[in-house]
PDB file of N, CA and C in Angstrom:
ATOM      1  N   MET A   1     -63.821 -12.758  18.786  1.00  0.00           N
ATOM      2  CA  MET A   1     -62.673 -12.764  17.904  1.00  0.00           C
ATOM      3  C   MET A   1     -62.855 -11.738  16.781  1.00  0.00           C
ATOM      4  N   ASN A   2     -64.043 -11.697  16.203  1.00  0.00           N
ATOM      5  CA  ASN A   2     -64.305 -10.747  15.118  1.00  0.00           C
ATOM      6  C   ASN A   2     -64.186  -9.305  15.589  1.00  0.00           C
ATOM      7  N   ILE A   3     -64.655  -9.034  16.787  1.00  0.00           N
ATOM      8  CA  ILE A   3     -64.564  -7.674  17.320  1.00  0.00           C
ATOM      9  C   ILE A   3     -63.103  -7.290  17.498  1.00  0.00           C
ATOM     10  N   GLY A   4     -62.306  -8.200  17.997  1.00  0.00           N
ATOM     11  CA  GLY A   4     -60.878  -7.935  18.178  1.00  0.00           C
ATOM     12  C   GLY A   4     -60.190  -7.634  16.861  1.00  0.00           C
ATOM     13  N   LEU A   5     -60.493  -8.406  15.837  1.00  0.00           N
ATOM     14  CA  LEU A   5     -59.895  -8.161  14.521  1.00  0.00           C
ATOM     15  C   LEU A   5     -60.377  -6.839  13.933  1.00  0.00           C
ATOM     16  N   GLY A   6     -61.641  -6.523  14.153  1.00  0.00           N
ATOM     17  CA  GLY A   6     -62.164  -5.256  13.649  1.00  0.00           C
ATOM     18  C   GLY A   6     -61.509  -4.061  14.310  1.00  0.00           C
ATOM     19  N   VAL A   7     -61.351  -4.121  15.621  1.00  0.00           N
ATOM     20  CA  VAL A   7     -60.703  -3.028  16.353  1.00  0.00           C
ATOM     21  C   VAL A   7     -59.241  -2.921  15.936  1.00  0.00           C
ATOM     22  N   PHE A   8     -58.562  -4.066  15.815  1.00  0.00           N
ATOM     23  CA  PHE A   8     -57.160  -4.059  15.393  1.00  0.00           C
ATOM     24  C   PHE A   8     -57.020  -3.434  14.007  1.00  0.00           C
ATOM     25  N   ASN A   9     -57.939  -3.729  13.119  1.00  0.00           N
ATOM     26  CA  ASN A   9     -57.881  -3.210  11.756  1.00  0.00           C
ATOM     27  C   ASN A   9     -58.081  -1.698  11.707  1.00  0.00           C
ATOM     28  N   LEU A  10     -58.631  -1.118  12.746  1.00  0.00           N
ATOM     29  CA  LEU A  10     -58.847   0.331  12.774  1.00  0.00           C
ATOM     30  C   LEU A  10     -57.653   1.122  13.297  1.00  0.00           C
ATOM     31  N   ILE A  11     -56.570   0.436  13.683  1.00  0.00           N
ATOM     32  CA  ILE A  11     -55.355   1.145  14.084  1.00  0.00           C
ATOM     33  C   ILE A  11     -54.849   1.918  12.865  1.00  0.00           C
ATOM     34  N   PRO A  12     -54.571   3.205  13.020  1.00  0.00           N
ATOM     35  CA  PRO A  12     -54.227   4.022  11.842  1.00  0.00           C
ATOM     36  C   PRO A  12     -52.778   3.880  11.360  1.00  0.00           C
ATOM     37  N   LEU A  13     -52.392   2.674  10.985  1.00  0.00           N
ATOM     38  CA  LEU A  13     -51.088   2.433  10.371  1.00  0.00           C
ATOM     39  C   LEU A  13     -51.319   1.885   8.968  1.00  0.00           C
ATOM     40  N   PRO A  14     -50.501   2.240   7.999  1.00  0.00           N
ATOM     41  CA  PRO A  14     -50.764   1.960   6.586  1.00  0.00           C
ATOM     42  C   PRO A  14     -51.217   0.573   6.169  1.00  0.00           C
ATOM     43  N   PRO A  15     -50.724  -0.513   6.675  1.00  0.00           N
ATOM     44  CA  PRO A  15     -51.277  -1.753   6.133  1.00  0.00           C
ATOM     45  C   PRO A  15     -52.718  -2.009   6.570  1.00  0.00           C
ATOM     46  N   LEU A  16     -53.192  -1.259   7.547  1.00  0.00           N
ATOM     47  CA  LEU A  16     -54.534  -1.475   8.088  1.00  0.00           C
ATOM     48  C   LEU A  16     -55.515  -0.439   7.553  1.00  0.00           C
ATOM     49  N   ASP A  17     -56.800  -0.739   7.643  1.00  0.00           N
ATOM     50  CA  ASP A  17     -57.831   0.158   7.121  1.00  0.00           C
ATOM     51  C   ASP A  17     -57.964   1.447   7.903  1.00  0.00           C
ATOM     52  N   GLY A  18     -57.529   1.460   9.135  1.00  0.00           N
ATOM     53  CA  GLY A  18     -57.600   2.679   9.937  1.00  0.00           C
ATOM     54  C   GLY A  18     -56.827   3.821   9.305  1.00  0.00           C
ATOM     55  N   SER A  19     -55.754   3.521   8.601  1.00  0.00           N
ATOM     56  CA  SER A  19     -54.983   4.582   7.936  1.00  0.00           C
ATOM     57  C   SER A  19     -55.768   5.186   6.784  1.00  0.00           C
ATOM     58  N   LYS A  20     -56.551   4.368   6.097  1.00  0.00           N
ATOM     59  CA  LYS A  20     -57.354   4.874   4.977  1.00  0.00           C
ATOM     60  C   LYS A  20     -58.491   5.769   5.472  1.00  0.00           C
ATOM     61  N   ILE A  21     -58.998   5.461   6.657  1.00  0.00           N
ATOM     62  CA  ILE A  21     -60.039   6.294   7.248  1.00  0.00           C
ATOM     63  C   ILE A  21     -59.434   7.597   7.762  1.00  0.00           C
ATOM     64  N   LEU A  22     -58.311   7.489   8.459  1.00  0.00           N
ATOM     65  CA  LEU A  22     -57.659   8.656   9.042  1.00  0.00           C
ATOM     66  C   LEU A  22     -57.250   9.665   7.972  1.00  0.00           C
ATOM     67  N   ILE A  23     -56.716   9.187   6.865  1.00  0.00           N
ATOM     68  CA  ILE A  23     -56.178  10.085   5.842  1.00  0.00           C
ATOM     69  C   ILE A  23     -57.270  10.973   5.229  1.00  0.00           C
ATOM     70  N   LYS A  24     -58.495  10.515   5.263  1.00  0.00           N
ATOM     71  CA  LYS A  24     -59.618  11.317   4.726  1.00  0.00           C
ATOM     72  C   LYS A  24     -59.860  12.577   5.562  1.00  0.00           C
ATOM     73  N   PHE A  25     -59.500  12.548   6.835  1.00  0.00           N
ATOM     74  CA  PHE A  25     -59.777  13.660   7.733  1.00  0.00           C
ATOM     75  C   PHE A  25     -58.580  14.565   7.987  1.00  0.00           C
ATOM     76  N   LEU A  26     -57.430  14.209   7.439  1.00  0.00           N
ATOM     77  CA  LEU A  26     -56.225  14.994   7.678  1.00  0.00           C
ATOM     78  C   LEU A  26     -56.123  16.177   6.727  1.00  0.00           C
ATOM     79  N   PRO A  27     -55.511  17.279   7.164  1.00  0.00           N
ATOM     80  CA  PRO A  27     -55.245  18.386   6.247  1.00  0.00           C
ATOM     81  C   PRO A  27     -54.174  17.970   5.226  1.00  0.00           C
ATOM     82  N   TYR A  28     -54.030  18.760   4.172  1.00  0.00           N
ATOM     83  CA  TYR A  28     -53.164  18.407   3.049  1.00  0.00           C
ATOM     84  C   TYR A  28     -51.734  18.099   3.485  1.00  0.00           C
ATOM     85  N   LYS A  29     -51.138  18.954   4.307  1.00  0.00           N
ATOM     86  CA  LYS A  29     -49.742  18.747   4.716  1.00  0.00           C
ATOM     87  C   LYS A  29     -49.586  17.478   5.553  1.00  0.00           C
ATOM     88  N   ALA A  30     -50.553  17.190   6.382  1.00  0.00           N
ATOM     89  CA  ALA A  30     -50.499  15.969   7.189  1.00  0.00           C
ATOM     90  C   ALA A  30     -50.630  14.733   6.289  1.00  0.00           C
ATOM     91  N   LYS A  31     -51.471  14.831   5.249  1.00  0.00           N
ATOM     92  CA  LYS A  31     -51.592  13.721   4.299  1.00  0.00           C
ATOM     93  C   LYS A  31     -50.261  13.466   3.604  1.00  0.00           C
ATOM     94  N   GLN A  32     -49.601  14.529   3.190  1.00  0.00           N
ATOM     95  CA  GLN A  32     -48.298  14.391   2.532  1.00  0.00           C
ATOM     96  C   GLN A  32     -47.283  13.763   3.475  1.00  0.00           C
ATOM     97  N   PHE A  33     -47.250  14.224   4.717  1.00  0.00           N
ATOM     98  CA  PHE A  33     -46.344  13.657   5.720  1.00  0.00           C
ATOM     99  C   PHE A  33     -46.612  12.166   5.886  1.00  0.00           C
ATOM    100  N   PHE A  34     -47.874  11.810   5.966  1.00  0.00           N
ATOM    101  CA  PHE A  34     -48.285  10.427   6.161  1.00  0.00           C
ATOM    102  C   PHE A  34     -47.872   9.568   4.975  1.00  0.00           C
ATOM    103  N   ARG A  35     -48.108  10.068   3.766  1.00  0.00           N
ATOM    104  CA  ARG A  35     -47.772   9.313   2.559  1.00  0.00           C
ATOM    105  C   ARG A  35     -46.267   9.224   2.341  1.00  0.00           C
ATOM    106  N   ASP A  36     -45.547  10.295   2.655  1.00  0.00           N
ATOM    107  CA  ASP A  36     -44.096  10.295   2.463  1.00  0.00           C
ATOM    108  C   ASP A  36     -43.389   9.327   3.404  1.00  0.00           C
ATOM    109  N   ARG A  37     -43.960   9.081   4.556  1.00  0.00           N
ATOM    110  CA  ARG A  37     -43.327   8.220   5.562  1.00  0.00           C
ATOM    111  C   ARG A  37     -44.054   6.889   5.725  1.00  0.00           C
ATOM    112  N   GLU A  38     -44.748   6.479   4.691  1.00  0.00           N
ATOM    113  CA  GLU A  38     -45.540   5.256   4.751  1.00  0.00           C
ATOM    114  C   GLU A  38     -44.677   4.032   5.061  1.00  0.00           C
ATOM    115  N   SER A  39     -43.471   3.967   4.521  1.00  0.00           N
ATOM    116  CA  SER A  39     -42.609   2.807   4.780  1.00  0.00           C
ATOM    117  C   SER A  39     -42.197   2.748   6.253  1.00  0.00           C
ATOM    118  N   ILE A  40     -42.019   3.899   6.881  1.00  0.00           N
ATOM    119  CA  ILE A  40     -41.691   3.924   8.310  1.00  0.00           C
ATOM    120  C   ILE A  40     -42.874   3.399   9.125  1.00  0.00           C
ATOM    121  N   PHE A  41     -44.079   3.741   8.707  1.00  0.00           N
ATOM    122  CA  PHE A  41     -45.266   3.257   9.407  1.00  0.00           C
ATOM    123  C   PHE A  41     -45.422   1.744   9.265  1.00  0.00           C
ATOM    124  N   TYR A  42     -45.006   1.183   8.125  1.00  0.00           N
ATOM    125  CA  TYR A  42     -45.027  -0.270   7.966  1.00  0.00           C
ATOM    126  C   TYR A  42     -44.097  -0.929   8.982  1.00  0.00           C
ATOM    127  N   ILE A  43     -42.929  -0.352   9.153  1.00  0.00           N
ATOM    128  CA  ILE A  43     -41.979  -0.887  10.132  1.00  0.00           C
ATOM    129  C   ILE A  43     -42.557  -0.770  11.539  1.00  0.00           C
ATOM    130  N   ALA A  44     -43.189   0.365  11.831  1.00  0.00           N
ATOM    131  CA  ALA A  44     -43.823   0.551  13.143  1.00  0.00           C
ATOM    132  C   ALA A  44     -44.917  -0.491  13.358  1.00  0.00           C
ATOM    133  N   PHE A  45     -45.688  -0.755  12.323  1.00  0.00           N
ATOM    134  CA  PHE A  45     -46.734  -1.777  12.417  1.00  0.00           C
ATOM    135  C   PHE A  45     -46.140  -3.140  12.743  1.00  0.00           C
ATOM    136  N   LEU A  46     -45.071  -3.502  12.057  1.00  0.00           N
ATOM    137  CA  LEU A  46     -44.421  -4.786  12.317  1.00  0.00           C
ATOM    138  C   LEU A  46     -43.889  -4.867  13.742  1.00  0.00           C
ATOM    139  N   LEU A  47     -43.299  -3.786  14.218  1.00  0.00           N
ATOM    140  CA  LEU A  47     -42.785  -3.773  15.585  1.00  0.00           C
ATOM    141  C   LEU A  47     -43.915  -3.920  16.609  1.00  0.00           C
ATOM    142  N   ILE A  48     -45.001  -3.228  16.368  1.00  0.00           N
ATOM    143  CA  ILE A  48     -46.159  -3.331  17.272  1.00  0.00           C
ATOM    144  C   ILE A  48     -46.687  -4.757  17.283  1.00  0.00           C
ATOM    145  N   TRP A  49     -46.743  -5.369  16.129  1.00  0.00           N
ATOM    146  CA  TRP A  49     -47.265  -6.729  16.014  1.00  0.00           C
ATOM    147  C   TRP A  49     -46.321  -7.743  16.667  1.00  0.00           C
ATOM    148  N   ILE A  50     -45.023  -7.637  16.363  1.00  0.00           N
ATOM    149  CA  ILE A  50     -44.052  -8.616  16.856  1.00  0.00           C
ATOM    150  C   ILE A  50     -43.835  -8.506  18.362  1.00  0.00           C
ATOM    151  N   THR A  51     -43.778  -7.299  18.889  1.00  0.00           N
ATOM    152  CA  THR A  51     -43.504  -7.113  20.318  1.00  0.00           C
ATOM    153  C   THR A  51     -44.717  -7.370  21.204  1.00  0.00           C
ATOM    154  N   GLY A  52     -45.880  -7.468  20.633  1.00  0.00           N
ATOM    155  CA  GLY A  52     -47.075  -7.713  21.435  1.00  0.00           C
ATOM    156  C   GLY A  52     -47.731  -6.445  21.958  1.00  0.00           C
ATOM    157  N   LEU A  53     -47.277  -5.284  21.518  1.00  0.00           N
ATOM    158  CA  LEU A  53     -47.894  -4.027  21.957  1.00  0.00           C
ATOM    159  C   LEU A  53     -49.318  -3.882  21.430  1.00  0.00           C
ATOM    160  N   ALA A  54     -49.639  -4.609  20.387  1.00  0.00           N
ATOM    161  CA  ALA A  54     -50.989  -4.523  19.821  1.00  0.00           C
ATOM    162  C   ALA A  54     -52.044  -4.886  20.865  1.00  0.00           C
ATOM    163  N   GLY A  55     -51.736  -5.844  21.703  1.00  0.00           N
ATOM    164  CA  GLY A  55     -52.670  -6.234  22.755  1.00  0.00           C
ATOM    165  C   GLY A  55     -52.949  -5.109  23.729  1.00  0.00           C
ATOM    166  N   TYR A  56     -51.916  -4.336  24.060  1.00  0.00           N
ATOM    167  CA  TYR A  56     -52.097  -3.204  24.975  1.00  0.00           C
ATOM    168  C   TYR A  56     -52.889  -2.069  24.316  1.00  0.00           C
ATOM    169  N   ILE A  57     -52.768  -1.952  23.023  1.00  0.00           N
ATOM    170  CA  ILE A  57     -53.493  -0.913  22.295  1.00  0.00           C
ATOM    171  C   ILE A  57     -54.961  -1.294  22.161  1.00  0.00           C
ATOM    172  N   ILE A  58     -55.220  -2.552  21.893  1.00  0.00           N
ATOM    173  CA  ILE A  58     -56.573  -3.008  21.587  1.00  0.00           C
ATOM    174  C   ILE A  58     -57.388  -3.334  22.839  1.00  0.00           C
ATOM    175  N   SER A  59     -56.755  -3.791  23.897  1.00  0.00           N
ATOM    176  CA  SER A  59     -57.475  -4.256  25.088  1.00  0.00           C
ATOM    177  C   SER A  59     -58.488  -3.261  25.647  1.00  0.00           C
ATOM    178  N   PRO A  60     -58.145  -1.980  25.828  1.00  0.00           N
ATOM    179  CA  PRO A  60     -59.156  -1.057  26.365  1.00  0.00           C
ATOM    180  C   PRO A  60     -60.395  -0.940  25.463  1.00  0.00           C
ATOM    181  N   ALA A  61     -60.175  -0.898  24.162  1.00  0.00           N
ATOM    182  CA  ALA A  61     -61.313  -0.799  23.245  1.00  0.00           C
ATOM    183  C   ALA A  61     -62.157  -2.070  23.289  1.00  0.00           C
ATOM    184  N   LEU A  62     -61.517  -3.221  23.326  1.00  0.00           N
ATOM    185  CA  LEU A  62     -62.257  -4.483  23.401  1.00  0.00           C
ATOM    186  C   LEU A  62     -63.039  -4.599  24.695  1.00  0.00           C
ATOM    187  N   ASN A  63     -62.436  -4.205  25.799  1.00  0.00           N
ATOM    188  CA  ASN A  63     -63.142  -4.253  27.083  1.00  0.00           C
ATOM    189  C   ASN A  63     -64.368  -3.355  27.069  1.00  0.00           C
ATOM    190  N   PHE A  64     -64.237  -2.178  26.491  1.00  0.00           N
ATOM    191  CA  PHE A  64     -65.365  -1.250  26.397  1.00  0.00           C
ATOM    192  C   PHE A  64     -66.484  -1.837  25.540  1.00  0.00           C
ATOM    193  N   ILE A  65     -66.141  -2.368  24.380  1.00  0.00           N
ATOM    194  CA  ILE A  65     -67.144  -2.939  23.475  1.00  0.00           C
ATOM    195  C   ILE A  65     -67.804  -4.160  24.100  1.00  0.00           C
ATOM    196  N   ASN A  66     -67.008  -5.033  24.706  1.00  0.00           N
ATOM    197  CA  ASN A  66     -67.569  -6.232  25.329  1.00  0.00           C
ATOM    198  C   ASN A  66     -68.507  -5.893  26.479  1.00  0.00           C
ATOM    199  N   SER A  67     -68.127  -4.944  27.318  1.00  0.00           N
ATOM    200  CA  SER A  67     -69.016  -4.579  28.422  1.00  0.00           C
ATOM    201  C   SER A  67     -70.299  -3.947  27.897  1.00  0.00           C
ATOM    202  N   GLY A  68     -70.192  -3.177  26.836  1.00  0.00           N
ATOM    203  CA  GLY A  68     -71.396  -2.608  26.226  1.00  0.00           C
ATOM    204  C   GLY A  68     -72.313  -3.682  25.676  1.00  0.00           C
ATOM    205  N   MET A  69     -71.739  -4.680  25.019  1.00  0.00           N
ATOM    206  CA  MET A  69     -72.554  -5.776  24.477  1.00  0.00           C
ATOM    207  C   MET A  69     -73.207  -6.587  25.592  1.00  0.00           C
ATOM    208  N   ILE A  70     -72.486  -6.801  26.671  1.00  0.00           N
ATOM    209  CA  ILE A  70     -73.044  -7.541  27.804  1.00  0.00           C
ATOM    210  C   ILE A  70     -74.184  -6.749  28.435  1.00  0.00           C
ATOM    211  N   ASN A  71     -74.009  -5.438  28.575  1.00  0.00           N
ATOM    212  CA  ASN A  71     -75.082  -4.604  29.142  1.00  0.00           C
ATOM    213  C   ASN A  71     -76.311  -4.597  28.246  1.00  0.00           C
ATOM    214  N   ILE A  72     -76.120  -4.566  26.951  1.00  0.00           N
ATOM    215  CA  ILE A  72     -77.261  -4.626  26.026  1.00  0.00           C
ATOM    216  C   ILE A  72     -77.977  -5.964  26.151  1.00  0.00           C
ATOM    217  N   ALA A  73     -77.209  -7.055  26.214  1.00  0.00           N
ATOM    218  CA  ALA A  73     -77.811  -8.386  26.360  1.00  0.00           C
ATOM    219  C   ALA A  73     -78.576  -8.500  27.682  1.00  0.00           C
ATOM    220  N   LYS A  74     -78.004  -7.944  28.763  1.00  0.00           N
ATOM    221  CA  LYS A  74     -78.707  -7.966  30.059  1.00  0.00           C
ATOM    222  C   LYS A  74     -80.000  -7.179  29.992  1.00  0.00           C
ATOM    223  N   PHE A  75     -79.975  -6.045  29.287  1.00  0.00           N
ATOM    224  CA  PHE A  75     -81.174  -5.231  29.148  1.00  0.00           C
ATOM    225  C   PHE A  75     -82.253  -5.977  28.337  1.00  0.00           C
ATOM    226  N   ILE A  76     -81.835  -6.592  27.257  1.00  0.00           N
ATOM    227  CA  ILE A  76     -82.796  -7.286  26.392  1.00  0.00           C
ATOM    228  C   ILE A  76     -83.402  -8.495  27.105  1.00  0.00           C
ATOM    229  N   PHE A  77     -82.567  -9.285  27.757  1.00  0.00           N
ATOM    230  CA  PHE A  77     -83.040 -10.511  28.388  1.00  0.00           C
ATOM    231  C   PHE A  77     -83.398 -10.334  29.859  1.00  0.00           C
ATOM    232  N   ARG A  78     -83.271  -9.104  30.363  1.00  0.00           N
ATOM    233  CA  ARG A  78     -83.621  -8.746  31.730  1.00  0.00           C
ATOM    234  C   ARG A  78     -82.992  -9.700  32.755  1.00  0.00           C
ATOM    235  N   VAL A  79     -81.698  -9.866  32.619  1.00  0.00           N
ATOM    236  CA  VAL A  79     -80.958 -10.742  33.526  1.00  0.00           C
ATOM    237  C   VAL A  79     -80.334  -9.931  34.630  1.00  0.00           C
TER     238      VAL A  79
END
């Protein structure tokens, strides 16, 4: 559950922390574009959340992380 919330929080839309990380790497004009349209990104975030698209966005990342954790556990415990 924690991994899922962490991955979800990294989506680069303004209410989430991913937007704060992304904005550090953007050039000046892209930062301005991002900040000027922040309210539109909030609406996009709500639509993604309400329609259930968040699951489709997060699932590949969660599957990758989970399989990696399982492989590490198998290596450590030699199962």
